[in-house]
N, C-alpha and C. Protein backbone atom coordinates (compact mmCIF):
# COMPACT_ATOMS: atom_id res chain seq x y z
N MET A 1 12.23 16.92 33.56
CA MET A 1 11.27 18.04 33.54
C MET A 1 9.93 17.59 34.11
N ALA A 2 9.34 18.41 34.95
CA ALA A 2 8.03 18.09 35.52
C ALA A 2 6.93 18.31 34.48
N PHE A 3 5.92 17.48 34.54
CA PHE A 3 4.81 17.57 33.62
C PHE A 3 4.07 18.90 33.79
N ASP A 4 3.80 19.57 32.66
CA ASP A 4 3.12 20.87 32.69
C ASP A 4 1.82 20.76 31.91
N PRO A 5 0.70 20.50 32.57
CA PRO A 5 -0.57 20.35 31.85
C PRO A 5 -1.04 21.63 31.18
N ASP A 6 -0.60 22.77 31.65
CA ASP A 6 -1.05 24.04 31.08
C ASP A 6 -0.54 24.25 29.66
N ARG A 7 0.52 23.56 29.29
CA ARG A 7 1.07 23.69 27.94
C ARG A 7 0.32 22.84 26.91
N VAL A 8 -0.44 21.88 27.36
CA VAL A 8 -0.97 20.84 26.47
C VAL A 8 -2.27 21.27 25.80
N THR A 9 -2.31 21.13 24.48
CA THR A 9 -3.56 21.32 23.73
C THR A 9 -3.95 20.06 22.96
N THR A 10 -2.98 19.19 22.70
CA THR A 10 -3.22 18.00 21.89
C THR A 10 -2.53 16.80 22.54
N VAL A 11 -3.22 15.65 22.53
CA VAL A 11 -2.68 14.43 23.12
C VAL A 11 -2.58 13.37 22.03
N THR A 12 -1.39 12.77 21.91
CA THR A 12 -1.22 11.63 21.01
C THR A 12 -0.98 10.38 21.84
N PHE A 13 -1.51 9.27 21.35
CA PHE A 13 -1.36 7.99 22.04
C PHE A 13 -0.67 6.99 21.12
N ASP A 14 0.26 6.26 21.68
CA ASP A 14 0.74 5.06 21.02
C ASP A 14 -0.41 4.05 20.97
N SER A 15 -0.26 3.01 20.18
CA SER A 15 -1.33 2.02 20.06
C SER A 15 -0.99 0.72 20.78
N TYR A 16 -0.02 -0.03 20.26
CA TYR A 16 0.28 -1.37 20.75
C TYR A 16 1.05 -1.31 22.07
N SER A 17 0.50 -1.95 23.08
CA SER A 17 0.94 -1.95 24.48
C SER A 17 0.40 -0.76 25.26
N THR A 18 -0.15 0.23 24.57
CA THR A 18 -0.69 1.42 25.21
C THR A 18 -2.21 1.39 25.23
N LEU A 19 -2.82 1.22 24.06
CA LEU A 19 -4.27 1.12 23.95
C LEU A 19 -4.75 -0.33 23.89
N VAL A 20 -3.98 -1.16 23.23
CA VAL A 20 -4.32 -2.58 23.09
C VAL A 20 -3.14 -3.43 23.57
N ASP A 21 -3.47 -4.62 24.04
CA ASP A 21 -2.50 -5.47 24.74
C ASP A 21 -1.87 -6.47 23.78
N VAL A 22 -0.60 -6.28 23.46
CA VAL A 22 0.07 -7.21 22.54
C VAL A 22 0.29 -8.58 23.18
N ASP A 23 0.18 -8.67 24.50
CA ASP A 23 0.31 -9.98 25.15
C ASP A 23 -0.84 -10.90 24.78
N ALA A 24 -1.88 -10.35 24.18
CA ALA A 24 -2.99 -11.18 23.72
C ALA A 24 -2.57 -12.12 22.59
N THR A 25 -1.39 -11.90 22.03
CA THR A 25 -0.88 -12.82 21.01
C THR A 25 -0.70 -14.22 21.58
N VAL A 26 -0.53 -14.33 22.89
CA VAL A 26 -0.36 -15.65 23.52
C VAL A 26 -1.56 -16.54 23.20
N ALA A 27 -2.76 -15.98 23.28
CA ALA A 27 -3.96 -16.77 23.03
C ALA A 27 -4.01 -17.27 21.59
N ALA A 28 -3.60 -16.42 20.65
CA ALA A 28 -3.60 -16.83 19.24
C ALA A 28 -2.60 -17.96 19.00
N LEU A 29 -1.46 -17.87 19.66
CA LEU A 29 -0.46 -18.93 19.53
C LEU A 29 -0.93 -20.22 20.20
N ALA A 30 -1.61 -20.09 21.33
CA ALA A 30 -2.05 -21.26 22.09
C ALA A 30 -3.11 -22.07 21.36
N ASP A 31 -3.78 -21.47 20.38
CA ASP A 31 -4.82 -22.16 19.63
C ASP A 31 -4.27 -23.26 18.73
N HIS A 32 -2.96 -23.28 18.52
CA HIS A 32 -2.35 -24.25 17.61
C HIS A 32 -1.80 -25.43 18.39
N ALA A 33 -2.21 -26.61 17.98
CA ALA A 33 -1.85 -27.83 18.70
C ALA A 33 -0.35 -28.06 18.77
N ASP A 34 0.38 -27.58 17.78
CA ASP A 34 1.84 -27.78 17.75
C ASP A 34 2.58 -26.93 18.77
N ILE A 35 1.89 -25.96 19.37
CA ILE A 35 2.54 -25.03 20.30
C ILE A 35 2.11 -25.37 21.72
N GLU A 36 3.03 -25.91 22.50
CA GLU A 36 2.72 -26.30 23.87
C GLU A 36 2.87 -25.14 24.85
N ASP A 37 3.85 -24.27 24.61
CA ASP A 37 4.10 -23.15 25.53
C ASP A 37 4.21 -21.86 24.70
N PRO A 38 3.12 -21.10 24.61
CA PRO A 38 3.12 -19.92 23.74
C PRO A 38 3.84 -18.71 24.32
N ASP A 39 4.03 -18.67 25.63
CA ASP A 39 4.58 -17.46 26.26
C ASP A 39 5.95 -17.06 25.74
N PRO A 40 6.94 -17.96 25.71
CA PRO A 40 8.24 -17.54 25.20
C PRO A 40 8.22 -17.19 23.72
N ILE A 41 7.36 -17.83 22.96
CA ILE A 41 7.25 -17.50 21.54
C ILE A 41 6.69 -16.09 21.37
N SER A 42 5.67 -15.77 22.17
CA SER A 42 5.08 -14.43 22.11
C SER A 42 6.12 -13.36 22.47
N ARG A 43 6.92 -13.63 23.51
CA ARG A 43 7.94 -12.66 23.91
C ARG A 43 8.98 -12.47 22.81
N THR A 44 9.43 -13.56 22.22
CA THR A 44 10.41 -13.46 21.13
C THR A 44 9.82 -12.71 19.95
N TRP A 45 8.57 -12.98 19.64
CA TRP A 45 7.88 -12.32 18.53
C TRP A 45 7.89 -10.80 18.74
N ARG A 46 7.49 -10.37 19.91
CA ARG A 46 7.43 -8.93 20.18
C ARG A 46 8.82 -8.31 20.20
N GLU A 47 9.77 -8.99 20.82
CA GLU A 47 11.13 -8.45 20.89
C GLU A 47 11.73 -8.30 19.49
N ARG A 48 11.59 -9.34 18.68
CA ARG A 48 12.13 -9.26 17.32
C ARG A 48 11.44 -8.18 16.50
N SER A 49 10.14 -8.04 16.68
CA SER A 49 9.40 -7.01 15.95
C SER A 49 9.97 -5.63 16.25
N MET A 50 10.19 -5.32 17.53
CA MET A 50 10.75 -4.03 17.92
C MET A 50 12.18 -3.86 17.39
N GLN A 51 12.97 -4.94 17.46
CA GLN A 51 14.33 -4.87 16.95
C GLN A 51 14.35 -4.60 15.45
N TYR A 52 13.46 -5.25 14.73
CA TYR A 52 13.42 -5.06 13.28
C TYR A 52 13.08 -3.61 12.91
N THR A 53 12.18 -2.98 13.66
CA THR A 53 11.86 -1.58 13.34
C THR A 53 13.08 -0.69 13.54
N LEU A 54 13.84 -0.92 14.60
CA LEU A 54 15.02 -0.10 14.88
C LEU A 54 16.10 -0.32 13.82
N VAL A 55 16.30 -1.58 13.45
CA VAL A 55 17.29 -1.87 12.41
C VAL A 55 16.85 -1.29 11.07
N ALA A 56 15.56 -1.39 10.76
CA ALA A 56 15.04 -0.86 9.51
C ALA A 56 15.32 0.63 9.38
N ASN A 57 15.18 1.37 10.49
CA ASN A 57 15.47 2.81 10.45
C ASN A 57 16.93 3.07 10.07
N HIS A 58 17.83 2.31 10.66
CA HIS A 58 19.25 2.54 10.40
C HIS A 58 19.65 2.11 9.00
N LEU A 59 19.04 1.05 8.51
CA LEU A 59 19.39 0.54 7.18
C LEU A 59 18.56 1.17 6.07
N GLU A 60 17.58 2.02 6.46
CA GLU A 60 16.67 2.64 5.51
C GLU A 60 16.01 1.57 4.62
N SER A 61 15.55 0.50 5.28
CA SER A 61 14.92 -0.61 4.56
C SER A 61 13.51 -0.81 5.11
N TYR A 62 12.65 0.17 4.88
CA TYR A 62 11.32 0.17 5.46
C TYR A 62 10.44 -0.93 4.90
N GLU A 63 9.75 -1.61 5.79
CA GLU A 63 8.60 -2.46 5.48
C GLU A 63 7.47 -2.01 6.39
N THR A 64 6.24 -2.30 6.01
CA THR A 64 5.14 -1.93 6.90
C THR A 64 5.26 -2.71 8.20
N PHE A 65 4.63 -2.18 9.24
CA PHE A 65 4.69 -2.83 10.55
C PHE A 65 4.05 -4.21 10.50
N TYR A 66 3.06 -4.39 9.66
CA TYR A 66 2.43 -5.71 9.52
C TYR A 66 3.41 -6.70 8.92
N GLU A 67 4.15 -6.26 7.89
CA GLU A 67 5.15 -7.13 7.28
C GLU A 67 6.27 -7.47 8.26
N ILE A 68 6.67 -6.47 9.05
CA ILE A 68 7.71 -6.71 10.05
C ILE A 68 7.23 -7.72 11.09
N ASN A 69 5.98 -7.62 11.49
CA ASN A 69 5.44 -8.59 12.44
C ASN A 69 5.34 -9.98 11.83
N ARG A 70 5.09 -10.05 10.54
CA ARG A 70 5.07 -11.35 9.85
C ARG A 70 6.47 -11.99 9.91
N ASP A 71 7.49 -11.19 9.61
CA ASP A 71 8.87 -11.69 9.67
C ASP A 71 9.25 -12.10 11.09
N ALA A 72 8.87 -11.27 12.06
CA ALA A 72 9.22 -11.54 13.45
C ALA A 72 8.54 -12.81 13.95
N LEU A 73 7.30 -13.05 13.54
CA LEU A 73 6.59 -14.27 13.93
C LEU A 73 7.29 -15.49 13.33
N ALA A 74 7.68 -15.40 12.06
CA ALA A 74 8.38 -16.52 11.42
C ALA A 74 9.65 -16.86 12.18
N TYR A 75 10.39 -15.82 12.59
CA TYR A 75 11.61 -16.06 13.35
C TYR A 75 11.30 -16.68 14.72
N ALA A 76 10.32 -16.13 15.42
CA ALA A 76 9.99 -16.61 16.76
C ALA A 76 9.60 -18.08 16.75
N LEU A 77 8.80 -18.47 15.77
CA LEU A 77 8.40 -19.87 15.67
C LEU A 77 9.62 -20.75 15.38
N ALA A 78 10.46 -20.33 14.43
CA ALA A 78 11.64 -21.12 14.09
C ALA A 78 12.60 -21.22 15.27
N ALA A 79 12.76 -20.12 16.01
CA ALA A 79 13.69 -20.10 17.14
C ALA A 79 13.26 -21.06 18.24
N HIS A 80 11.96 -21.34 18.30
CA HIS A 80 11.45 -22.25 19.33
C HIS A 80 11.09 -23.62 18.74
N GLY A 81 11.60 -23.89 17.54
CA GLY A 81 11.46 -25.21 16.95
C GLY A 81 10.09 -25.55 16.44
N ILE A 82 9.30 -24.54 16.08
CA ILE A 82 7.94 -24.77 15.59
C ILE A 82 7.89 -24.50 14.09
N ASP A 83 7.40 -25.48 13.34
CA ASP A 83 7.29 -25.35 11.88
C ASP A 83 5.82 -25.34 11.50
N LEU A 84 5.32 -24.16 11.14
CA LEU A 84 3.94 -24.02 10.71
C LEU A 84 3.90 -23.54 9.28
N PRO A 85 2.95 -24.00 8.48
CA PRO A 85 2.83 -23.50 7.11
C PRO A 85 2.42 -22.03 7.09
N ALA A 86 2.64 -21.40 5.95
CA ALA A 86 2.44 -19.96 5.83
C ALA A 86 1.01 -19.55 6.15
N ASP A 87 0.02 -20.35 5.75
CA ASP A 87 -1.36 -19.96 6.00
C ASP A 87 -1.69 -19.97 7.49
N GLU A 88 -1.07 -20.88 8.26
CA GLU A 88 -1.31 -20.90 9.70
C GLU A 88 -0.58 -19.76 10.39
N ARG A 89 0.60 -19.42 9.91
CA ARG A 89 1.30 -18.25 10.46
C ARG A 89 0.49 -16.99 10.19
N GLU A 90 -0.12 -16.91 9.01
CA GLU A 90 -0.91 -15.74 8.66
C GLU A 90 -2.14 -15.62 9.55
N ALA A 91 -2.74 -16.76 9.88
CA ALA A 91 -3.91 -16.75 10.76
C ALA A 91 -3.54 -16.25 12.15
N ILE A 92 -2.35 -16.62 12.64
CA ILE A 92 -1.89 -16.12 13.93
C ILE A 92 -1.66 -14.61 13.85
N LEU A 93 -1.03 -14.17 12.78
CA LEU A 93 -0.70 -12.76 12.60
C LEU A 93 -1.95 -11.88 12.64
N GLU A 94 -3.06 -12.42 12.19
CA GLU A 94 -4.30 -11.63 12.13
C GLU A 94 -4.81 -11.20 13.50
N VAL A 95 -4.23 -11.75 14.58
CA VAL A 95 -4.62 -11.32 15.92
C VAL A 95 -4.36 -9.83 16.10
N TYR A 96 -3.43 -9.27 15.33
CA TYR A 96 -3.13 -7.85 15.47
C TYR A 96 -4.32 -6.97 15.06
N HIS A 97 -5.30 -7.52 14.39
CA HIS A 97 -6.50 -6.75 14.03
C HIS A 97 -7.55 -6.76 15.14
N GLU A 98 -7.33 -7.56 16.19
CA GLU A 98 -8.35 -7.65 17.24
C GLU A 98 -7.73 -7.91 18.61
N LEU A 99 -6.66 -7.18 18.90
CA LEU A 99 -6.02 -7.32 20.21
C LEU A 99 -6.93 -6.79 21.31
N GLU A 100 -6.79 -7.36 22.49
CA GLU A 100 -7.61 -6.96 23.63
C GLU A 100 -7.35 -5.50 23.99
N VAL A 101 -8.41 -4.75 24.24
CA VAL A 101 -8.32 -3.33 24.56
C VAL A 101 -8.21 -3.17 26.07
N PHE A 102 -7.30 -2.34 26.53
CA PHE A 102 -7.18 -2.09 27.96
C PHE A 102 -8.45 -1.41 28.48
N ASP A 103 -8.81 -1.73 29.72
CA ASP A 103 -10.09 -1.31 30.28
C ASP A 103 -10.24 0.21 30.39
N ASP A 104 -9.13 0.92 30.53
CA ASP A 104 -9.22 2.36 30.79
C ASP A 104 -9.28 3.22 29.54
N VAL A 105 -9.24 2.59 28.37
CA VAL A 105 -9.02 3.35 27.14
C VAL A 105 -10.21 4.24 26.78
N ARG A 106 -11.36 3.63 26.57
CA ARG A 106 -12.52 4.39 26.10
C ARG A 106 -12.89 5.52 27.06
N GLU A 107 -13.06 5.21 28.33
CA GLU A 107 -13.51 6.20 29.30
C GLU A 107 -12.50 7.35 29.44
N SER A 108 -11.22 7.03 29.47
CA SER A 108 -10.20 8.06 29.68
C SER A 108 -10.07 8.99 28.49
N ILE A 109 -10.07 8.42 27.29
CA ILE A 109 -9.98 9.28 26.10
C ILE A 109 -11.24 10.11 25.95
N GLU A 110 -12.37 9.55 26.32
CA GLU A 110 -13.62 10.31 26.28
C GLU A 110 -13.54 11.52 27.22
N ARG A 111 -12.96 11.34 28.38
CA ARG A 111 -12.79 12.46 29.32
C ARG A 111 -11.93 13.56 28.70
N LEU A 112 -10.86 13.18 28.05
CA LEU A 112 -9.98 14.17 27.41
C LEU A 112 -10.70 14.87 26.26
N HIS A 113 -11.44 14.10 25.51
CA HIS A 113 -12.22 14.66 24.39
C HIS A 113 -13.23 15.69 24.91
N GLU A 114 -13.92 15.34 25.97
CA GLU A 114 -14.93 16.25 26.54
C GLU A 114 -14.29 17.47 27.20
N ALA A 115 -13.03 17.33 27.62
CA ALA A 115 -12.32 18.46 28.22
C ALA A 115 -11.75 19.41 27.16
N GLY A 116 -11.92 19.07 25.90
CA GLY A 116 -11.53 19.98 24.83
C GLY A 116 -10.20 19.70 24.16
N TYR A 117 -9.57 18.57 24.50
CA TYR A 117 -8.30 18.23 23.87
C TYR A 117 -8.53 17.50 22.55
N ASP A 118 -7.69 17.81 21.57
CA ASP A 118 -7.66 17.00 20.36
C ASP A 118 -6.85 15.74 20.65
N THR A 119 -7.38 14.60 20.28
CA THR A 119 -6.71 13.33 20.57
C THR A 119 -6.45 12.56 19.28
N TYR A 120 -5.25 12.01 19.18
CA TYR A 120 -4.79 11.27 18.00
C TYR A 120 -4.10 9.99 18.45
N VAL A 121 -4.00 9.06 17.53
CA VAL A 121 -3.10 7.92 17.69
C VAL A 121 -1.88 8.16 16.82
N LEU A 122 -0.70 7.98 17.40
CA LEU A 122 0.57 8.10 16.68
C LEU A 122 1.29 6.76 16.84
N SER A 123 1.40 6.01 15.74
CA SER A 123 1.76 4.60 15.87
C SER A 123 2.68 4.14 14.75
N ASN A 124 3.46 3.09 15.07
CA ASN A 124 4.21 2.38 14.03
C ASN A 124 3.29 1.60 13.09
N GLY A 125 2.09 1.31 13.54
CA GLY A 125 1.17 0.52 12.73
C GLY A 125 0.84 1.18 11.42
N ASN A 126 0.70 0.37 10.37
CA ASN A 126 0.29 0.91 9.08
C ASN A 126 -1.22 1.18 9.07
N PRO A 127 -1.72 1.94 8.10
CA PRO A 127 -3.12 2.39 8.16
C PRO A 127 -4.15 1.29 8.35
N ASP A 128 -4.01 0.15 7.67
CA ASP A 128 -4.99 -0.93 7.83
C ASP A 128 -5.02 -1.44 9.26
N MET A 129 -3.84 -1.57 9.86
CA MET A 129 -3.77 -2.01 11.26
C MET A 129 -4.44 -1.02 12.18
N LEU A 130 -4.19 0.27 11.94
CA LEU A 130 -4.76 1.29 12.81
C LEU A 130 -6.27 1.40 12.64
N ASP A 131 -6.75 1.23 11.42
CA ASP A 131 -8.20 1.26 11.20
C ASP A 131 -8.88 0.15 12.01
N SER A 132 -8.31 -1.04 11.96
CA SER A 132 -8.95 -2.15 12.68
C SER A 132 -8.79 -1.98 14.18
N MET A 133 -7.65 -1.44 14.62
CA MET A 133 -7.44 -1.22 16.05
C MET A 133 -8.43 -0.21 16.60
N VAL A 134 -8.60 0.91 15.90
CA VAL A 134 -9.53 1.94 16.34
C VAL A 134 -10.96 1.40 16.35
N ASP A 135 -11.32 0.64 15.34
CA ASP A 135 -12.66 0.08 15.26
C ASP A 135 -12.89 -0.92 16.40
N HIS A 136 -11.91 -1.77 16.63
CA HIS A 136 -12.03 -2.78 17.69
C HIS A 136 -12.09 -2.13 19.07
N ALA A 137 -11.34 -1.04 19.24
CA ALA A 137 -11.34 -0.33 20.53
C ALA A 137 -12.56 0.54 20.73
N GLY A 138 -13.28 0.82 19.65
CA GLY A 138 -14.49 1.64 19.74
C GLY A 138 -14.22 3.08 20.11
N ILE A 139 -13.14 3.67 19.55
CA ILE A 139 -12.76 5.04 19.91
C ILE A 139 -12.72 5.98 18.71
N GLY A 140 -13.24 5.52 17.57
CA GLY A 140 -13.18 6.34 16.37
C GLY A 140 -13.85 7.69 16.52
N ASP A 141 -14.91 7.75 17.32
CA ASP A 141 -15.64 9.00 17.51
C ASP A 141 -14.90 9.97 18.41
N LEU A 142 -13.84 9.50 19.09
CA LEU A 142 -13.12 10.34 20.03
C LEU A 142 -11.80 10.87 19.47
N LEU A 143 -11.39 10.33 18.34
CA LEU A 143 -10.10 10.71 17.75
C LEU A 143 -10.30 11.67 16.58
N VAL A 144 -9.39 12.60 16.46
CA VAL A 144 -9.37 13.44 15.26
C VAL A 144 -8.87 12.62 14.08
N ASP A 145 -7.82 11.81 14.33
CA ASP A 145 -7.23 11.03 13.24
C ASP A 145 -6.20 10.07 13.82
N THR A 146 -5.69 9.19 12.96
CA THR A 146 -4.53 8.37 13.30
C THR A 146 -3.36 8.82 12.43
N ILE A 147 -2.17 8.73 12.99
CA ILE A 147 -0.95 9.13 12.29
C ILE A 147 -0.04 7.91 12.27
N SER A 148 0.30 7.46 11.07
CA SER A 148 1.04 6.21 10.91
C SER A 148 2.48 6.46 10.50
N ALA A 149 3.38 5.63 11.01
CA ALA A 149 4.77 5.65 10.57
C ALA A 149 4.88 5.43 9.06
N ASP A 150 3.88 4.78 8.51
CA ASP A 150 3.86 4.50 7.08
C ASP A 150 3.84 5.79 6.25
N GLU A 151 3.38 6.87 6.83
CA GLU A 151 3.32 8.14 6.10
C GLU A 151 4.71 8.68 5.79
N LEU A 152 5.70 8.34 6.61
CA LEU A 152 7.08 8.78 6.38
C LEU A 152 8.00 7.63 5.98
N GLY A 153 7.57 6.40 6.21
CA GLY A 153 8.44 5.26 5.96
C GLY A 153 9.56 5.16 6.96
N THR A 154 9.28 5.53 8.21
CA THR A 154 10.26 5.42 9.29
C THR A 154 9.52 5.14 10.58
N PHE A 155 10.22 4.48 11.51
CA PHE A 155 9.59 4.05 12.75
C PHE A 155 10.08 4.87 13.94
N LYS A 156 9.33 4.79 15.03
CA LYS A 156 9.76 5.36 16.30
C LYS A 156 11.06 4.68 16.73
N PRO A 157 11.96 5.41 17.37
CA PRO A 157 11.84 6.78 17.88
C PRO A 157 12.46 7.84 16.99
N ASP A 158 12.40 7.66 15.67
CA ASP A 158 12.91 8.68 14.75
C ASP A 158 12.23 10.02 15.05
N PRO A 159 12.98 11.06 15.39
CA PRO A 159 12.35 12.34 15.74
C PRO A 159 11.53 12.93 14.61
N ASP A 160 11.83 12.57 13.37
CA ASP A 160 11.05 13.10 12.25
C ASP A 160 9.58 12.68 12.33
N LEU A 161 9.33 11.52 12.92
CA LEU A 161 7.94 11.04 13.01
C LEU A 161 7.13 11.89 13.99
N TYR A 162 7.76 12.31 15.08
CA TYR A 162 7.06 13.15 16.06
C TYR A 162 6.88 14.57 15.50
N ARG A 163 7.86 15.05 14.76
CA ARG A 163 7.71 16.35 14.10
C ARG A 163 6.62 16.30 13.04
N HIS A 164 6.55 15.18 12.35
CA HIS A 164 5.47 14.98 11.38
C HIS A 164 4.12 15.03 12.07
N ALA A 165 4.03 14.42 13.26
CA ALA A 165 2.78 14.45 14.02
C ALA A 165 2.38 15.87 14.38
N ALA A 166 3.37 16.69 14.72
CA ALA A 166 3.07 18.10 15.03
C ALA A 166 2.48 18.79 13.81
N GLY A 167 3.05 18.51 12.64
CA GLY A 167 2.52 19.10 11.42
C GLY A 167 1.13 18.60 11.09
N ARG A 168 0.91 17.30 11.27
CA ARG A 168 -0.40 16.71 10.95
C ARG A 168 -1.49 17.22 11.89
N THR A 169 -1.13 17.47 13.14
CA THR A 169 -2.12 17.94 14.10
C THR A 169 -2.25 19.46 14.10
N GLY A 170 -1.31 20.14 13.44
CA GLY A 170 -1.31 21.60 13.45
C GLY A 170 -1.01 22.17 14.83
N THR A 171 -0.18 21.44 15.59
CA THR A 171 0.11 21.81 16.97
C THR A 171 1.60 22.03 17.16
N PRO A 172 2.03 23.12 17.79
CA PRO A 172 3.45 23.26 18.13
C PRO A 172 3.91 22.08 18.99
N LEU A 173 5.14 21.65 18.76
CA LEU A 173 5.65 20.48 19.49
C LEU A 173 5.52 20.62 21.00
N ASP A 174 5.76 21.84 21.52
CA ASP A 174 5.74 21.99 22.97
C ASP A 174 4.32 22.03 23.55
N GLU A 175 3.29 21.98 22.67
CA GLU A 175 1.91 21.88 23.16
C GLU A 175 1.35 20.46 23.03
N LEU A 176 2.20 19.54 22.57
CA LEU A 176 1.82 18.14 22.41
C LEU A 176 2.32 17.31 23.58
N VAL A 177 1.52 16.36 24.01
CA VAL A 177 1.99 15.35 24.95
C VAL A 177 1.73 13.99 24.32
N HIS A 178 2.75 13.15 24.35
CA HIS A 178 2.62 11.81 23.80
C HIS A 178 2.58 10.81 24.95
N VAL A 179 1.61 9.90 24.88
CA VAL A 179 1.37 8.92 25.94
C VAL A 179 1.69 7.53 25.39
N SER A 180 2.59 6.83 26.04
CA SER A 180 3.02 5.54 25.51
C SER A 180 3.48 4.63 26.64
N ALA A 181 3.30 3.32 26.44
CA ALA A 181 3.83 2.32 27.36
C ALA A 181 5.24 1.87 26.95
N LEU A 182 5.76 2.41 25.86
CA LEU A 182 7.07 2.02 25.35
C LEU A 182 8.10 3.08 25.72
N TRP A 183 9.13 2.68 26.44
CA TRP A 183 10.10 3.65 26.96
C TRP A 183 10.78 4.43 25.85
N PHE A 184 11.17 3.74 24.75
CA PHE A 184 11.89 4.44 23.69
C PHE A 184 10.98 5.39 22.92
N ASP A 185 9.69 5.11 22.93
CA ASP A 185 8.71 5.99 22.29
C ASP A 185 8.57 7.28 23.09
N VAL A 186 8.52 7.14 24.42
CA VAL A 186 8.46 8.32 25.29
C VAL A 186 9.72 9.17 25.09
N GLN A 187 10.87 8.52 25.07
CA GLN A 187 12.12 9.26 24.89
C GLN A 187 12.20 9.92 23.52
N GLY A 188 11.69 9.25 22.50
CA GLY A 188 11.66 9.85 21.17
C GLY A 188 10.82 11.11 21.12
N ALA A 189 9.66 11.06 21.78
CA ALA A 189 8.78 12.22 21.82
C ALA A 189 9.44 13.39 22.55
N ILE A 190 10.07 13.09 23.68
CA ILE A 190 10.74 14.14 24.45
C ILE A 190 11.90 14.73 23.67
N HIS A 191 12.68 13.88 23.02
CA HIS A 191 13.81 14.36 22.23
C HIS A 191 13.35 15.29 21.11
N ALA A 192 12.17 15.02 20.54
CA ALA A 192 11.65 15.84 19.45
C ALA A 192 11.06 17.16 19.93
N GLY A 193 10.76 17.26 21.23
CA GLY A 193 10.23 18.51 21.77
C GLY A 193 8.86 18.41 22.41
N MET A 194 8.27 17.22 22.42
CA MET A 194 7.00 17.02 23.10
C MET A 194 7.22 16.75 24.58
N GLN A 195 6.14 16.78 25.35
CA GLN A 195 6.15 16.17 26.67
C GLN A 195 5.85 14.67 26.48
N GLY A 196 6.43 13.87 27.35
CA GLY A 196 6.26 12.44 27.23
C GLY A 196 5.74 11.81 28.51
N VAL A 197 4.65 11.05 28.40
CA VAL A 197 4.07 10.34 29.54
C VAL A 197 4.27 8.84 29.33
N TRP A 198 4.86 8.20 30.33
CA TRP A 198 5.06 6.75 30.27
C TRP A 198 3.97 6.05 31.06
N LEU A 199 3.25 5.14 30.40
CA LEU A 199 2.28 4.29 31.08
C LEU A 199 3.00 3.04 31.57
N ASP A 200 3.19 2.96 32.85
CA ASP A 200 3.86 1.80 33.45
C ASP A 200 2.82 0.75 33.75
N ARG A 201 2.33 0.10 32.71
CA ARG A 201 1.22 -0.84 32.87
C ARG A 201 1.64 -2.14 33.57
N LYS A 202 2.94 -2.45 33.60
CA LYS A 202 3.38 -3.73 34.13
C LYS A 202 4.20 -3.60 35.41
N GLY A 203 4.30 -2.39 35.95
CA GLY A 203 5.03 -2.22 37.20
C GLY A 203 6.51 -2.49 37.06
N THR A 204 7.09 -2.08 35.94
CA THR A 204 8.51 -2.30 35.69
C THR A 204 9.29 -1.01 35.95
N PRO A 205 10.59 -1.09 36.22
CA PRO A 205 11.36 0.13 36.46
C PRO A 205 11.59 0.90 35.17
N TRP A 206 11.73 2.20 35.32
CA TRP A 206 12.10 3.03 34.17
C TRP A 206 13.55 2.74 33.78
N GLU A 207 13.84 2.90 32.49
CA GLU A 207 15.19 2.65 31.98
C GLU A 207 16.18 3.67 32.54
N PRO A 208 17.36 3.24 32.95
CA PRO A 208 18.37 4.18 33.44
C PRO A 208 19.03 4.97 32.32
N PHE A 209 18.77 4.60 31.08
CA PHE A 209 19.37 5.25 29.92
C PHE A 209 18.46 6.36 29.39
N GLY A 210 19.01 7.50 29.08
CA GLY A 210 18.27 8.54 28.37
C GLY A 210 17.39 9.40 29.24
N ASP A 211 16.51 10.17 28.55
CA ASP A 211 15.65 11.15 29.23
C ASP A 211 14.63 10.49 30.15
N GLU A 212 14.32 11.19 31.22
CA GLU A 212 13.25 10.77 32.13
C GLU A 212 11.90 11.22 31.57
N PRO A 213 10.83 10.45 31.79
CA PRO A 213 9.50 10.90 31.38
C PRO A 213 9.08 12.17 32.14
N ASP A 214 8.23 12.95 31.53
CA ASP A 214 7.66 14.09 32.23
C ASP A 214 6.64 13.65 33.27
N LEU A 215 6.05 12.48 33.03
CA LEU A 215 5.05 11.94 33.96
C LEU A 215 5.03 10.43 33.81
N ILE A 216 4.91 9.72 34.93
CA ILE A 216 4.75 8.27 34.92
C ILE A 216 3.42 7.95 35.60
N THR A 217 2.59 7.15 34.92
CA THR A 217 1.31 6.74 35.49
C THR A 217 1.10 5.26 35.20
N GLU A 218 0.16 4.67 35.93
CA GLU A 218 -0.17 3.26 35.69
C GLU A 218 -1.17 3.10 34.55
N GLY A 219 -1.91 4.16 34.24
CA GLY A 219 -2.92 4.06 33.19
C GLY A 219 -3.33 5.42 32.67
N ILE A 220 -4.22 5.40 31.69
CA ILE A 220 -4.61 6.63 31.01
C ILE A 220 -5.52 7.49 31.89
N ALA A 221 -6.24 6.88 32.81
CA ALA A 221 -7.13 7.66 33.68
C ALA A 221 -6.36 8.72 34.45
N ALA A 222 -5.14 8.40 34.88
CA ALA A 222 -4.32 9.36 35.62
C ALA A 222 -3.88 10.52 34.73
N VAL A 223 -3.72 10.24 33.44
CA VAL A 223 -3.41 11.33 32.49
C VAL A 223 -4.60 12.28 32.39
N ALA A 224 -5.80 11.72 32.29
CA ALA A 224 -7.00 12.53 32.25
C ALA A 224 -7.16 13.33 33.53
N ASP A 225 -6.82 12.73 34.66
CA ASP A 225 -6.90 13.44 35.95
C ASP A 225 -6.03 14.71 35.92
N ARG A 226 -4.84 14.60 35.34
CA ARG A 226 -3.93 15.74 35.32
C ARG A 226 -4.31 16.79 34.29
N LEU A 227 -4.99 16.37 33.23
CA LEU A 227 -5.27 17.30 32.14
C LEU A 227 -6.66 17.94 32.20
N GLU A 228 -7.59 17.31 32.88
CA GLU A 228 -8.95 17.87 32.92
C GLU A 228 -8.91 19.26 33.56
N ARG A 229 -9.51 20.22 32.88
CA ARG A 229 -9.51 21.61 33.37
C ARG A 229 -10.72 21.83 34.25
């Protein structure tokens, strides 16, 4: 389906990989003398974190996203032969409260805000994580609110979470557009009845599986370009 800006009244944004860069975990890992090559550990950490959320949905064994990231970090370190005490693992985990913000975030969301759109964050992150992310990104004045998976105890791409977002925003599903750098998040939004925009921040191909995005862009500025009236 082609993107239809005339239908949109409310914009929701994913957080991690969309507004803030989870690859910044590499720097937190690199600070530890025992870790010579942080890149593969960071990749395993992120991959396991995403896998744990999907498995948690199927097993109905919810933990907060922070707890899931703690478990995923412990696995990633062990898988790469790194043994760190719990307090040092916790110090690494705290990077999630101050991940690097993508350059286009503040200006682009401000444009949407000034154009009259209600803007929200819709994220797997639990409330404490989202509070620190919004504060670190400096966008609290531009958002109506944040919507956390913790409110339902289920993670993306569970369609109930996107329907919950429609209820929280007071917006019909077909008037919502969800913007995310995560392919399964975009597909979840589309499956629930929203329009879905994929931010191709890394120049990777779209997945051959499932629904196509309504719009593909390299960044949020292009979303603002399409939505500004």
